[in-house]
């Protein structure tokens, strides 16, 4: 199943060259080239660490990196780097100089030791944020199913709010293993909610997603449909599921919202209004019963991280307690 990759690469692949080579279909760069390009157009790095004698490294080029969807995604959203762990070159990386440890063959470079420590196994893959602040190491051969969540985790900044193991598990549930228990969510339109508020006032959640956002798909299919999350939302909130690319005209607080070009991309202005112009993907906007925005959660959330946030607002704790004090007390009760 490759639905998530195809969405993001279909236009890019129209012009992609499918000529096979020993390096696969990825347009590999040197470390120097990647760093120079990153100065003007920031992107995360994907660093393939290999050796000339490594059979599995060559096999990964012939399989994973020869898949046009994987290669297209990597070429579009990363600066892909091939790094020979036994090179004899002197390399500057993130402002520091790294040299070979020995003139002898099959000896590791200082930079390979920095990346891999004492675990010098090949192939290894490092995913690096564009500001060099975050590194995720994956060692061993990566088949397509294994590299997909790593790519999305890095590109869509999921690492800022969730651990990789949690995200990878939810990713696989979403795209491959769909046989897990899901809670049933009740969705409403804004007009329906306005009527319901007259008899039973509740706070509102606006779940904002887009077709190009893979972490949105994961959050929608797993976090929001987690039984405990779904039950809590149904009991305490009115939920709107909103596609930020919607063509609908929506009247929100007396103002018409519609699809227009925002920062070069067509999005519905309703998504901006409910997030107080702090739209990121995925986003969950928390509104009070008068449609005033209380918070805009512009990060990927696991069930474990979302539940206390829901309680913080549903139970009106935000009116008397800081989030830091609330979550500290919440975590202590969970021990």
Foldseek 3Di string as FASTA:
>chain_A
DCLLLCLQQVVVLVPQDLDQDLQARAPADAQVVQLVVCVVPFAKEKEWEAAPPDPLSSVLRVAVRNPSSNRRLCNVGHRYHYHYQQDQDWDAHPRDIWGHPDPDGPGGTRVCCVVQPPNNAPGKIWIAGRVRPDIDIDHDRAHNLRCVLVSLCRRQVQVVADDSVLSSVLLCCQPPVVPDQFADADADDPVVLLVVCVPPFAKEKEWEAEPNRSLSSSCVSAQCGPRVNRVLCRVGYHYHYDYQQDQDWDQAPNDTWGWDQDPNRTGICVQCVQQVNPEAPGWMFIGGSVSHTPHIRRHRDHNVRVVLVSCCVSVVVVVPDDPVVSVVVVVVVVD
